[in-house]
Amino acid sequence: MEKLEVGEAFTISDENDAEQEVEVIGTVTIEGTDYAAVSFVEDLQTETDEDIDIFFLKVDVDGDLAAIDSDEEFEKVSSAFDEMLNEEE
């Protein structure tokens, strides 16, 4: 997979093999590893006051998307995205 771009949409399968379309809403590189924040396209297109679900995916050494393995890694990625969003405001 090529480098993910903000606004790019693609389909992922959940643990039940149900397909969902997601859109990249941000990317960040931490210690040489690329991560993407994604959300469901349907949620992004619906105007609502409710928070949207955001998921973080890791780009593995083969360029494929993978789940984040540990709570520690998740916290590191979440903090990096929070910091990036705070800088934009």
Protein backbone atom coordinates (compact mmCIF):
# COMPACT_ATOMS: atom_id res chain seq x y z
CA MET A 1 0.00 0.00 0.00
CA GLU A 2 1.27 3.47 -0.84
CA LYS A 3 1.53 6.23 1.74
CA LEU A 4 -1.93 7.10 3.04
CA GLU A 5 -3.24 10.58 2.37
CA VAL A 6 -5.77 12.54 4.43
CA GLY A 7 -9.17 12.23 2.75
CA GLU A 8 -8.38 8.86 1.18
CA ALA A 9 -11.16 6.31 1.62
CA PHE A 10 -10.87 2.53 1.57
CA THR A 11 -12.68 -0.56 2.81
CA ILE A 12 -11.67 -2.61 5.84
CA SER A 13 -13.16 -5.81 7.26
CA ASP A 14 -14.03 -6.16 10.93
CA GLU A 15 -13.67 -9.28 13.07
CA ASN A 16 -16.97 -10.58 11.62
CA ASP A 17 -15.77 -10.02 8.02
CA ALA A 18 -18.28 -7.19 7.58
CA GLU A 19 -16.87 -4.52 5.28
CA GLN A 20 -16.86 -0.87 6.33
CA GLU A 21 -15.69 2.13 4.34
CA VAL A 22 -13.32 4.37 6.30
CA GLU A 23 -11.60 7.66 5.52
CA VAL A 24 -8.17 8.81 6.64
CA ILE A 25 -8.54 11.89 8.83
CA GLY A 26 -4.89 12.18 9.84
CA THR A 27 -1.47 10.56 9.64
CA VAL A 28 1.57 10.69 11.87
CA THR A 29 5.00 9.02 12.00
CA ILE A 30 6.34 7.96 15.40
CA GLU A 31 9.79 6.45 15.77
CA GLY A 32 9.85 5.50 12.09
CA THR A 33 6.41 3.86 12.05
CA ASP A 34 3.48 5.41 10.15
CA TYR A 35 0.03 5.50 11.72
CA ALA A 36 -3.35 6.59 10.34
CA ALA A 37 -6.40 7.88 12.17
CA VAL A 38 -9.53 6.74 10.35
CA SER A 39 -13.25 7.08 10.84
CA PHE A 40 -16.28 5.57 9.15
CA VAL A 41 -17.20 7.50 5.99
CA GLU A 42 -20.88 7.31 6.94
CA ASP A 43 -20.16 9.01 10.30
CA LEU A 44 -18.10 11.74 8.63
CA GLN A 45 -20.88 12.50 6.13
CA THR A 46 -23.60 12.75 8.78
CA GLU A 47 -23.85 16.11 10.49
CA THR A 48 -24.33 15.51 14.18
CA ASP A 49 -23.34 16.91 17.54
CA GLU A 50 -22.21 13.49 18.66
CA ASP A 51 -18.55 12.50 18.68
CA ILE A 52 -17.38 10.29 15.84
CA ASP A 53 -15.50 7.05 16.34
CA ILE A 54 -11.82 7.29 15.44
CA PHE A 55 -9.58 4.27 14.99
CA PHE A 56 -5.81 4.15 14.75
CA LEU A 57 -4.11 1.78 12.33
CA LYS A 58 -0.41 1.03 11.97
CA VAL A 59 1.26 0.71 8.58
CA ASP A 60 3.43 -2.41 8.90
CA VAL A 61 6.79 -3.10 7.25
CA ASP A 62 5.05 -4.47 4.14
CA GLY A 63 2.90 -1.33 3.82
CA ASP A 64 -0.23 -3.12 4.98
CA LEU A 65 -2.56 -1.82 7.67
CA ALA A 66 -2.47 -3.55 11.03
CA ALA A 67 -4.15 -3.14 14.39
CA ILE A 68 -2.20 -1.54 17.20
CA ASP A 69 -1.00 -4.35 19.45
CA SER A 70 -0.61 -2.85 22.91
CA ASP A 71 -2.23 -0.31 25.20
CA GLU A 72 1.14 1.44 25.49
CA GLU A 73 1.43 1.83 21.71
CA PHE A 74 -2.20 2.99 21.49
CA GLU A 75 -1.61 5.65 24.17
CA LYS A 76 1.53 6.87 22.37
CA VAL A 77 -0.32 7.18 19.05
CA SER A 78 -3.40 8.75 20.64
CA SER A 79 -1.27 11.36 22.42
CA ALA A 80 0.59 12.19 19.19
CA PHE A 81 -2.69 12.75 17.32
CA ASP A 82 -4.10 14.83 20.20
CA GLU A 83 -0.98 17.01 20.14
CA MET A 84 -1.22 17.38 16.37
CA LEU A 85 -4.88 18.45 16.61
CA ASN A 86 -4.12 20.95 19.37
CA GLU A 87 -1.42 22.55 17.20
CA GLU A 88 -3.91 22.98 14.33
CA GLU A 89 -6.42 24.85 16.51
